[in-house]
Amino acid sequence: MNEPAMNEPAMNEPARNEPWHANLPQQVEIDGAGDAVLTAAQAAALLGVALEVFLTDLRAGLVYSVVERGEGADAGRLRLTLHRRATQRRILVEAATGRVLGPD
């Protein structure tokens, strides 16, 4: 297998020059409680870190998320906020299907 060039990210690292929303997943899982669930790989990509770094920070308690359910005009939507150290990412999700609607 070829090694990535010095200016190219490794396969498990997000591209450094892309805006974070370029790494939005198209779909997330909706669990039995109706919450949006990201895979570790999806979360790491959104936060712009390698999977191994994300998992280390997760184990250290430096990563957490909040799911908010929309009301009124936002009914049927979820806002997922992902926190890691000083970084925060928010995405909007269709509650019934798990389809990601975009960044918030």
C-alpha atoms as a PDB file:
ATOM      1  CA  MET A   1       0.000   0.000   0.000  1.00  0.00           C
ATOM      2  CA  ASN A   2       1.318   3.429  -0.887  1.00  0.00           C
ATOM      3  CA  GLU A   3       1.988   5.974   1.850  1.00  0.00           C
ATOM      4  CA  PRO A   4       0.111   9.302   1.518  1.00  0.00           C
ATOM      5  CA  ALA A   5       2.159  12.225   0.267  1.00  0.00           C
ATOM      6  CA  MET A   6       3.275  14.737   2.897  1.00  0.00           C
ATOM      7  CA  ASN A   7       0.478  17.167   2.027  1.00  0.00           C
ATOM      8  CA  GLU A   8      -2.277  14.543   1.818  1.00  0.00           C
ATOM      9  CA  PRO A   9      -4.206  13.331   4.867  1.00  0.00           C
ATOM     10  CA  ALA A  10      -3.974   9.677   5.824  1.00  0.00           C
ATOM     11  CA  MET A  11      -7.110   7.678   5.070  1.00  0.00           C
ATOM     12  CA  ASN A  12      -8.292   7.879   8.683  1.00  0.00           C
ATOM     13  CA  GLU A  13      -7.756  11.643   8.963  1.00  0.00           C
ATOM     14  CA  PRO A  14     -10.000  14.379   7.591  1.00  0.00           C
ATOM     15  CA  ALA A  15      -8.614  16.800   5.037  1.00  0.00           C
ATOM     16  CA  ARG A  16      -7.136  19.805   6.841  1.00  0.00           C
ATOM     17  CA  ASN A  17      -8.256  22.510   4.391  1.00  0.00           C
ATOM     18  CA  GLU A  18     -11.911  21.507   4.131  1.00  0.00           C
ATOM     19  CA  PRO A  19     -14.577  23.298   6.160  1.00  0.00           C
ATOM     20  CA  TRP A  20     -15.974  21.046   8.876  1.00  0.00           C
ATOM     21  CA  HIS A  21     -19.395  20.792   7.233  1.00  0.00           C
ATOM     22  CA  ALA A  22     -17.746  19.127   4.212  1.00  0.00           C
ATOM     23  CA  ASN A  23     -17.592  16.042   6.481  1.00  0.00           C
ATOM     24  CA  LEU A  24     -21.325  15.911   7.233  1.00  0.00           C
ATOM     25  CA  PRO A  25     -22.724  12.394   7.079  1.00  0.00           C
ATOM     26  CA  GLN A  26     -25.814  11.935   4.924  1.00  0.00           C
ATOM     27  CA  GLN A  27     -27.481   9.729   7.502  1.00  0.00           C
ATOM     28  CA  VAL A  28     -27.262   8.982  11.222  1.00  0.00           C
ATOM     29  CA  GLU A  29     -28.888   6.266  13.289  1.00  0.00           C
ATOM     30  CA  ILE A  30     -31.959   7.067  15.373  1.00  0.00           C
ATOM     31  CA  ASP A  31     -31.947   4.902  18.509  1.00  0.00           C
ATOM     32  CA  GLY A  32     -34.909   3.478  20.427  1.00  0.00           C
ATOM     33  CA  ALA A  33     -35.194   6.646  22.531  1.00  0.00           C
ATOM     34  CA  GLY A  34     -35.424   8.764  19.372  1.00  0.00           C
ATOM     35  CA  ASP A  35     -31.946  10.255  19.750  1.00  0.00           C
ATOM     36  CA  ALA A  36     -29.493  10.791  16.890  1.00  0.00           C
ATOM     37  CA  VAL A  37     -26.441   8.510  17.154  1.00  0.00           C
ATOM     38  CA  LEU A  38     -23.154   9.028  15.304  1.00  0.00           C
ATOM     39  CA  THR A  39     -20.530   6.382  14.709  1.00  0.00           C
ATOM     40  CA  ALA A  40     -17.090   7.151  16.131  1.00  0.00           C
ATOM     41  CA  ALA A  41     -15.808   7.653  12.571  1.00  0.00           C
ATOM     42  CA  GLN A  42     -18.606  10.138  11.782  1.00  0.00           C
ATOM     43  CA  ALA A  43     -17.959  12.091  14.988  1.00  0.00           C
ATOM     44  CA  ALA A  44     -14.188  12.188  14.439  1.00  0.00           C
ATOM     45  CA  ALA A  45     -14.670  13.479  10.878  1.00  0.00           C
ATOM     46  CA  LEU A  46     -17.066  16.212  12.039  1.00  0.00           C
ATOM     47  CA  LEU A  47     -14.618  17.294  14.717  1.00  0.00           C
ATOM     48  CA  GLY A  48     -11.695  17.235  12.288  1.00  0.00           C
ATOM     49  CA  VAL A  49      -9.537  14.737  14.159  1.00  0.00           C
ATOM     50  CA  ALA A  50      -8.197  11.267  13.473  1.00  0.00           C
ATOM     51  CA  LEU A  51     -10.327   8.413  14.793  1.00  0.00           C
ATOM     52  CA  GLU A  52      -7.624   7.356  17.264  1.00  0.00           C
ATOM     53  CA  VAL A  53      -7.436  10.886  18.726  1.00  0.00           C
ATOM     54  CA  PHE A  54     -11.222  11.030  19.004  1.00  0.00           C
ATOM     55  CA  LEU A  55     -11.375   7.669  20.799  1.00  0.00           C
ATOM     56  CA  THR A  56      -8.627   8.697  23.246  1.00  0.00           C
ATOM     57  CA  ASP A  57     -10.474  11.917  24.080  1.00  0.00           C
ATOM     58  CA  LEU A  58     -13.785  10.046  24.349  1.00  0.00           C
ATOM     59  CA  ARG A  59     -12.287   7.628  26.890  1.00  0.00           C
ATOM     60  CA  ALA A  60     -10.859  10.593  28.817  1.00  0.00           C
ATOM     61  CA  GLY A  61     -14.322  12.185  29.045  1.00  0.00           C
ATOM     62  CA  LEU A  62     -13.426  15.101  26.759  1.00  0.00           C
ATOM     63  CA  VAL A  63     -16.173  14.374  24.217  1.00  0.00           C
ATOM     64  CA  TYR A  64     -19.906  14.635  24.792  1.00  0.00           C
ATOM     65  CA  SER A  65     -23.073  15.355  22.851  1.00  0.00           C
ATOM     66  CA  VAL A  66     -26.490  16.902  23.388  1.00  0.00           C
ATOM     67  CA  VAL A  67     -29.637  16.084  21.406  1.00  0.00           C
ATOM     68  CA  GLU A  68     -32.457  18.630  21.340  1.00  0.00           C
ATOM     69  CA  ARG A  69     -35.918  17.880  19.967  1.00  0.00           C
ATOM     70  CA  GLY A  70     -37.588  20.560  17.878  1.00  0.00           C
ATOM     71  CA  GLU A  71     -40.928  22.041  18.863  1.00  0.00           C
ATOM     72  CA  GLY A  72     -43.440  24.115  16.927  1.00  0.00           C
ATOM     73  CA  ALA A  73     -42.027  24.989  13.495  1.00  0.00           C
ATOM     74  CA  ASP A  74     -39.037  22.700  14.219  1.00  0.00           C
ATOM     75  CA  ALA A  75     -41.102  19.659  15.225  1.00  0.00           C
ATOM     76  CA  GLY A  76     -39.766  16.492  13.620  1.00  0.00           C
ATOM     77  CA  ARG A  77     -36.174  17.712  13.723  1.00  0.00           C
ATOM     78  CA  LEU A  78     -33.299  17.021  16.072  1.00  0.00           C
ATOM     79  CA  ARG A  79     -30.317  19.256  16.729  1.00  0.00           C
ATOM     80  CA  LEU A  80     -27.232  17.253  17.644  1.00  0.00           C
ATOM     81  CA  THR A  81     -24.423  19.230  19.267  1.00  0.00           C
ATOM     82  CA  LEU A  82     -21.071  17.477  19.519  1.00  0.00           C
ATOM     83  CA  HIS A  83     -18.393  18.848  21.867  1.00  0.00           C
ATOM     84  CA  ARG A  84     -14.684  17.983  22.032  1.00  0.00           C
ATOM     85  CA  ARG A  85     -12.336  20.201  24.017  1.00  0.00           C
ATOM     86  CA  ALA A  86     -12.950  23.745  22.660  1.00  0.00           C
ATOM     87  CA  THR A  87     -14.631  22.527  19.454  1.00  0.00           C
ATOM     88  CA  GLN A  88     -18.385  22.401  18.970  1.00  0.00           C
ATOM     89  CA  ARG A  89     -20.323  21.146  15.937  1.00  0.00           C
ATOM     90  CA  ARG A  90     -24.101  21.266  15.407  1.00  0.00           C
ATOM     91  CA  ILE A  91     -26.092  19.382  12.827  1.00  0.00           C
ATOM     92  CA  LEU A  92     -29.815  19.180  12.090  1.00  0.00           C
ATOM     93  CA  VAL A  93     -31.367  15.758  11.616  1.00  0.00           C
ATOM     94  CA  GLU A  94     -34.785  14.617  10.433  1.00  0.00           C
ATOM     95  CA  ALA A  95     -36.086  12.746  13.495  1.00  0.00           C
ATOM     96  CA  ALA A  96     -38.148  10.142  11.644  1.00  0.00           C
ATOM     97  CA  THR A  97     -35.453   9.013   9.201  1.00  0.00           C
ATOM     98  CA  GLY A  98     -32.054  10.098  10.532  1.00  0.00           C
ATOM     99  CA  ARG A  99     -31.365  12.062   7.339  1.00  0.00           C
ATOM    100  CA  VAL A 100     -28.916  14.884   8.002  1.00  0.00           C
ATOM    101  CA  LEU A 101     -30.446  18.181   6.901  1.00  0.00           C
ATOM    102  CA  GLY A 102     -27.259  20.219   7.278  1.00  0.00           C
ATOM    103  CA  PRO A 103     -25.129  22.156   9.724  1.00  0.00           C
ATOM    104  CA  ASP A 104     -26.839  24.417  12.249  1.00  0.00           C
END
